[in-house]
Amino acid sequence: MKVDNLLARSAVAIAAVLMFGLAAAQDDGISWDELNDGQREILSQLESSWDSLPAERQRRLSRGAKRWAGMSRQERQQARGRFQSWRELSDERRELIRERAQIFRDLSPEEQDRIRKNYRDYRQMNRERREQLRDRYRRMTPDQRQRLRDRMTRRPRPAPRD
């Protein structure tokens, strides 16, 4: 009786491991048929190679096609311009941008919000003030730049004024 119970438990355990292994090995990709008509139209050039694309690439392309389908004509024109600018960058510059984007994504949501706010504030400054800040930063030594960055990350944010 004990042997039968042990065999049954072993069989269940083996089945569970196999099922878990199959589930883990399954690709979380998106089948071509799961795309809506608009996505398939936008991605039509990839139809023949779709199944061979990595799952993460399929997800990114699917999201991108969905965004594209929802854009106005003007937004699409702006996106084409940004894509053209991206393509004109050197491989080294694109890699640097990708690395910095990953560093940003790894930050806490609070840090990301702080950086976005600082960037918005900077963009709202008049051109002369922005140039003054850029020139001042360029004249700093690497050590001075690092101290400034350290100070900025430690500095408590002032409470908003009413």
C-alpha atoms as a PDB file:
ATOM      1  CA  MET A   1       0.000   0.000   0.000  1.00  0.00           C
ATOM      2  CA  LYS A   2       2.817   2.381   0.901  1.00  0.00           C
ATOM      3  CA  VAL A   3       4.584   1.634  -2.383  1.00  0.00           C
ATOM      4  CA  ASP A   4       1.388   2.325  -4.397  1.00  0.00           C
ATOM      5  CA  ASN A   5       0.894   5.620  -2.524  1.00  0.00           C
ATOM      6  CA  LEU A   6       4.513   6.568  -3.097  1.00  0.00           C
ATOM      7  CA  LEU A   7       4.228   5.728  -6.814  1.00  0.00           C
ATOM      8  CA  ALA A   8       1.043   7.764  -7.125  1.00  0.00           C
ATOM      9  CA  ARG A   9       2.641  10.749  -5.419  1.00  0.00           C
ATOM     10  CA  SER A  10       5.721  10.410  -7.587  1.00  0.00           C
ATOM     11  CA  ALA A  11       3.609  10.252 -10.740  1.00  0.00           C
ATOM     12  CA  VAL A  12       1.716  13.372  -9.707  1.00  0.00           C
ATOM     13  CA  ALA A  13       4.967  15.173  -8.881  1.00  0.00           C
ATOM     14  CA  ILE A  14       6.524  14.178 -12.208  1.00  0.00           C
ATOM     15  CA  ALA A  15       3.418  15.279 -14.094  1.00  0.00           C
ATOM     16  CA  ALA A  16       3.432  18.617 -12.252  1.00  0.00           C
ATOM     17  CA  VAL A  17       7.107  19.166 -13.072  1.00  0.00           C
ATOM     18  CA  LEU A  18       6.539  18.306 -16.725  1.00  0.00           C
ATOM     19  CA  MET A  19       3.500  20.580 -16.968  1.00  0.00           C
ATOM     20  CA  PHE A  20       5.380  23.413 -15.264  1.00  0.00           C
ATOM     21  CA  GLY A  21       8.336  22.861 -17.569  1.00  0.00           C
ATOM     22  CA  LEU A  22       6.117  22.972 -20.644  1.00  0.00           C
ATOM     23  CA  ALA A  23       4.376  26.094 -19.404  1.00  0.00           C
ATOM     24  CA  ALA A  24       7.711  27.775 -18.706  1.00  0.00           C
ATOM     25  CA  ALA A  25       9.084  26.708 -22.084  1.00  0.00           C
ATOM     26  CA  GLN A  26       6.053  27.977 -23.981  1.00  0.00           C
ATOM     27  CA  ASP A  27       6.673  31.159 -25.837  1.00  0.00           C
ATOM     28  CA  ASP A  28       4.490  34.036 -24.738  1.00  0.00           C
ATOM     29  CA  GLY A  29       4.494  35.337 -28.263  1.00  0.00           C
ATOM     30  CA  ILE A  30       1.500  36.705 -30.118  1.00  0.00           C
ATOM     31  CA  SER A  31       0.183  34.681 -33.019  1.00  0.00           C
ATOM     32  CA  TRP A  32      -0.500  36.513 -36.262  1.00  0.00           C
ATOM     33  CA  ASP A  33      -4.207  35.679 -35.906  1.00  0.00           C
ATOM     34  CA  GLU A  34      -4.336  37.388 -32.492  1.00  0.00           C
ATOM     35  CA  LEU A  35      -3.496  40.741 -34.093  1.00  0.00           C
ATOM     36  CA  ASN A  36      -6.453  42.898 -35.084  1.00  0.00           C
ATOM     37  CA  ASP A  37      -7.003  43.883 -38.723  1.00  0.00           C
ATOM     38  CA  GLY A  38      -5.297  47.257 -38.301  1.00  0.00           C
ATOM     39  CA  GLN A  39      -2.219  45.724 -36.693  1.00  0.00           C
ATOM     40  CA  ARG A  40      -1.978  43.057 -39.401  1.00  0.00           C
ATOM     41  CA  GLU A  41      -2.225  45.730 -42.100  1.00  0.00           C
ATOM     42  CA  ILE A  42       0.514  47.845 -40.508  1.00  0.00           C
ATOM     43  CA  LEU A  43       2.745  44.806 -39.918  1.00  0.00           C
ATOM     44  CA  SER A  44       1.915  43.055 -43.204  1.00  0.00           C
ATOM     45  CA  GLN A  45       5.564  43.021 -44.351  1.00  0.00           C
ATOM     46  CA  LEU A  46       6.385  40.830 -41.349  1.00  0.00           C
ATOM     47  CA  GLU A  47       3.622  38.241 -41.831  1.00  0.00           C
ATOM     48  CA  SER A  48       5.861  35.558 -43.350  1.00  0.00           C
ATOM     49  CA  SER A  49       8.513  35.906 -40.619  1.00  0.00           C
ATOM     50  CA  TRP A  50       6.173  36.754 -37.692  1.00  0.00           C
ATOM     51  CA  ASP A  51       6.315  33.304 -36.057  1.00  0.00           C
ATOM     52  CA  SER A  52      10.120  33.326 -36.059  1.00  0.00           C
ATOM     53  CA  LEU A  53      10.371  36.676 -34.222  1.00  0.00           C
ATOM     54  CA  PRO A  54      11.203  36.601 -30.511  1.00  0.00           C
ATOM     55  CA  ALA A  55       8.127  36.961 -28.276  1.00  0.00           C
ATOM     56  CA  GLU A  56       9.294  40.280 -26.834  1.00  0.00           C
ATOM     57  CA  ARG A  57       9.738  41.731 -30.327  1.00  0.00           C
ATOM     58  CA  GLN A  58       6.266  40.534 -31.304  1.00  0.00           C
ATOM     59  CA  ARG A  59       4.807  42.270 -28.228  1.00  0.00           C
ATOM     60  CA  ARG A  60       6.677  45.519 -28.970  1.00  0.00           C
ATOM     61  CA  LEU A  61       5.637  45.498 -32.623  1.00  0.00           C
ATOM     62  CA  SER A  62       2.046  44.713 -31.692  1.00  0.00           C
ATOM     63  CA  ARG A  63       1.922  47.614 -29.211  1.00  0.00           C
ATOM     64  CA  GLY A  64       3.596  49.915 -31.713  1.00  0.00           C
ATOM     65  CA  ALA A  65       1.125  48.992 -34.470  1.00  0.00           C
ATOM     66  CA  LYS A  66      -1.767  49.610 -32.090  1.00  0.00           C
ATOM     67  CA  ARG A  67      -0.363  53.042 -31.190  1.00  0.00           C
ATOM     68  CA  TRP A  68       0.244  53.846 -34.859  1.00  0.00           C
ATOM     69  CA  ALA A  69      -3.337  52.929 -35.783  1.00  0.00           C
ATOM     70  CA  GLY A  70      -4.601  55.347 -33.131  1.00  0.00           C
ATOM     71  CA  MET A  71      -2.487  58.295 -34.296  1.00  0.00           C
ATOM     72  CA  SER A  72      -3.748  61.262 -36.247  1.00  0.00           C
ATOM     73  CA  ARG A  73      -2.154  62.151 -39.574  1.00  0.00           C
ATOM     74  CA  GLN A  74      -0.068  64.873 -37.884  1.00  0.00           C
ATOM     75  CA  GLU A  75       1.100  62.495 -35.137  1.00  0.00           C
ATOM     76  CA  ARG A  76       2.148  59.948 -37.752  1.00  0.00           C
ATOM     77  CA  GLN A  77       4.100  62.615 -39.625  1.00  0.00           C
ATOM     78  CA  GLN A  78       5.883  63.618 -36.405  1.00  0.00           C
ATOM     79  CA  ALA A  79       6.628  59.958 -35.625  1.00  0.00           C
ATOM     80  CA  ARG A  80       8.109  59.460 -39.100  1.00  0.00           C
ATOM     81  CA  GLY A  81      10.355  62.475 -38.515  1.00  0.00           C
ATOM     82  CA  ARG A  82      11.535  61.113 -35.159  1.00  0.00           C
ATOM     83  CA  PHE A  83      12.174  57.704 -36.728  1.00  0.00           C
ATOM     84  CA  GLN A  84      14.159  59.292 -39.552  1.00  0.00           C
ATOM     85  CA  SER A  85      16.244  61.223 -37.001  1.00  0.00           C
ATOM     86  CA  TRP A  86      16.821  57.969 -35.099  1.00  0.00           C
ATOM     87  CA  ARG A  87      17.974  56.169 -38.237  1.00  0.00           C
ATOM     88  CA  GLU A  88      20.436  58.962 -39.005  1.00  0.00           C
ATOM     89  CA  LEU A  89      22.198  58.555 -35.643  1.00  0.00           C
ATOM     90  CA  SER A  90      25.401  56.547 -35.496  1.00  0.00           C
ATOM     91  CA  ASP A  91      25.237  53.037 -34.054  1.00  0.00           C
ATOM     92  CA  GLU A  92      27.257  54.224 -31.063  1.00  0.00           C
ATOM     93  CA  ARG A  93      24.866  57.096 -30.351  1.00  0.00           C
ATOM     94  CA  ARG A  94      21.804  54.819 -30.613  1.00  0.00           C
ATOM     95  CA  GLU A  95      23.427  52.339 -28.231  1.00  0.00           C
ATOM     96  CA  LEU A  96      24.170  55.114 -25.737  1.00  0.00           C
ATOM     97  CA  ILE A  97      20.538  56.244 -25.904  1.00  0.00           C
ATOM     98  CA  ARG A  98      19.315  52.677 -25.371  1.00  0.00           C
ATOM     99  CA  GLU A  99      21.588  52.286 -22.339  1.00  0.00           C
ATOM    100  CA  ARG A 100      20.385  55.558 -20.822  1.00  0.00           C
ATOM    101  CA  ALA A 101      16.759  54.625 -21.488  1.00  0.00           C
ATOM    102  CA  GLN A 102      17.302  51.339 -19.642  1.00  0.00           C
ATOM    103  CA  ILE A 103      18.889  53.175 -16.709  1.00  0.00           C
ATOM    104  CA  PHE A 104      15.854  55.479 -16.630  1.00  0.00           C
ATOM    105  CA  ARG A 105      13.424  52.525 -16.733  1.00  0.00           C
ATOM    106  CA  ASP A 106      15.294  50.968 -13.800  1.00  0.00           C
ATOM    107  CA  LEU A 107      14.720  54.070 -11.636  1.00  0.00           C
ATOM    108  CA  SER A 108      11.883  54.262  -9.151  1.00  0.00           C
ATOM    109  CA  PRO A 109       8.690  55.930 -10.385  1.00  0.00           C
ATOM    110  CA  GLU A 110       9.425  58.854  -8.050  1.00  0.00           C
ATOM    111  CA  GLU A 111      12.878  59.372  -9.576  1.00  0.00           C
ATOM    112  CA  GLN A 112      11.436  59.143 -13.084  1.00  0.00           C
ATOM    113  CA  ASP A 113       8.819  61.774 -12.190  1.00  0.00           C
ATOM    114  CA  ARG A 114      11.508  64.030 -10.714  1.00  0.00           C
ATOM    115  CA  ILE A 115      13.601  63.779 -13.878  1.00  0.00           C
ATOM    116  CA  ARG A 116      10.584  64.437 -16.113  1.00  0.00           C
ATOM    117  CA  LYS A 117       9.671  67.507 -14.046  1.00  0.00           C
ATOM    118  CA  ASN A 118      13.236  68.852 -14.185  1.00  0.00           C
ATOM    119  CA  TYR A 119      13.267  68.347 -17.946  1.00  0.00           C
ATOM    120  CA  ARG A 120       9.923  70.151 -18.353  1.00  0.00           C
ATOM    121  CA  ASP A 121      11.208  73.014 -16.193  1.00  0.00           C
ATOM    122  CA  TYR A 122      14.374  73.196 -18.279  1.00  0.00           C
ATOM    123  CA  ARG A 123      12.408  73.227 -21.557  1.00  0.00           C
ATOM    124  CA  GLN A 124      10.216  76.059 -20.263  1.00  0.00           C
ATOM    125  CA  MET A 125      13.230  78.286 -19.581  1.00  0.00           C
ATOM    126  CA  ASN A 126      14.013  80.867 -22.206  1.00  0.00           C
ATOM    127  CA  ARG A 127      16.733  79.960 -24.688  1.00  0.00           C
ATOM    128  CA  GLU A 128      19.299  82.302 -23.155  1.00  0.00           C
ATOM    129  CA  ARG A 129      18.936  80.755 -19.676  1.00  0.00           C
ATOM    130  CA  ARG A 130      19.202  77.219 -21.085  1.00  0.00           C
ATOM    131  CA  GLU A 131      22.389  78.160 -22.935  1.00  0.00           C
ATOM    132  CA  GLN A 132      23.843  79.667 -19.752  1.00  0.00           C
ATOM    133  CA  LEU A 133      23.164  76.450 -17.843  1.00  0.00           C
ATOM    134  CA  ARG A 134      24.596  74.276 -20.635  1.00  0.00           C
ATOM    135  CA  ASP A 135      27.751  76.411 -20.844  1.00  0.00           C
ATOM    136  CA  ARG A 136      28.201  76.342 -17.093  1.00  0.00           C
ATOM    137  CA  TYR A 137      27.816  72.548 -17.028  1.00  0.00           C
ATOM    138  CA  ARG A 138      30.268  72.098 -19.927  1.00  0.00           C
ATOM    139  CA  ARG A 139      32.911  74.128 -18.091  1.00  0.00           C
ATOM    140  CA  MET A 140      32.673  71.900 -15.013  1.00  0.00           C
ATOM    141  CA  THR A 141      35.250  69.223 -14.365  1.00  0.00           C
ATOM    142  CA  PRO A 142      34.024  65.618 -14.254  1.00  0.00           C
ATOM    143  CA  ASP A 143      34.372  65.733 -10.464  1.00  0.00           C
ATOM    144  CA  GLN A 144      32.258  68.891 -10.227  1.00  0.00           C
ATOM    145  CA  ARG A 145      29.624  67.327 -12.463  1.00  0.00           C
ATOM    146  CA  GLN A 146      29.477  64.243 -10.270  1.00  0.00           C
ATOM    147  CA  ARG A 147      29.126  66.344  -7.104  1.00  0.00           C
ATOM    148  CA  LEU A 148      26.292  68.258  -8.737  1.00  0.00           C
ATOM    149  CA  ARG A 149      24.506  65.023  -9.676  1.00  0.00           C
ATOM    150  CA  ASP A 150      25.026  63.701  -6.155  1.00  0.00           C
ATOM    151  CA  ARG A 151      23.649  66.907  -4.678  1.00  0.00           C
ATOM    152  CA  MET A 152      20.620  66.796  -6.970  1.00  0.00           C
ATOM    153  CA  THR A 153      19.729  63.233  -5.964  1.00  0.00           C
ATOM    154  CA  ARG A 154      20.029  63.973  -2.237  1.00  0.00           C
ATOM    155  CA  ARG A 155      18.290  67.316  -2.291  1.00  0.00           C
ATOM    156  CA  PRO A 156      14.828  67.178  -0.736  1.00  0.00           C
ATOM    157  CA  ARG A 157      12.136  68.458  -3.018  1.00  0.00           C
ATOM    158  CA  PRO A 158      10.507  71.659  -1.752  1.00  0.00           C
ATOM    159  CA  ALA A 159       6.824  71.469  -0.863  1.00  0.00           C
ATOM    160  CA  PRO A 160       4.600  73.008  -3.509  1.00  0.00           C
ATOM    161  CA  ARG A 161       3.447  76.538  -2.803  1.00  0.00           C
ATOM    162  CA  ASP A 162      -0.211  77.479  -2.903  1.00  0.00           C
END
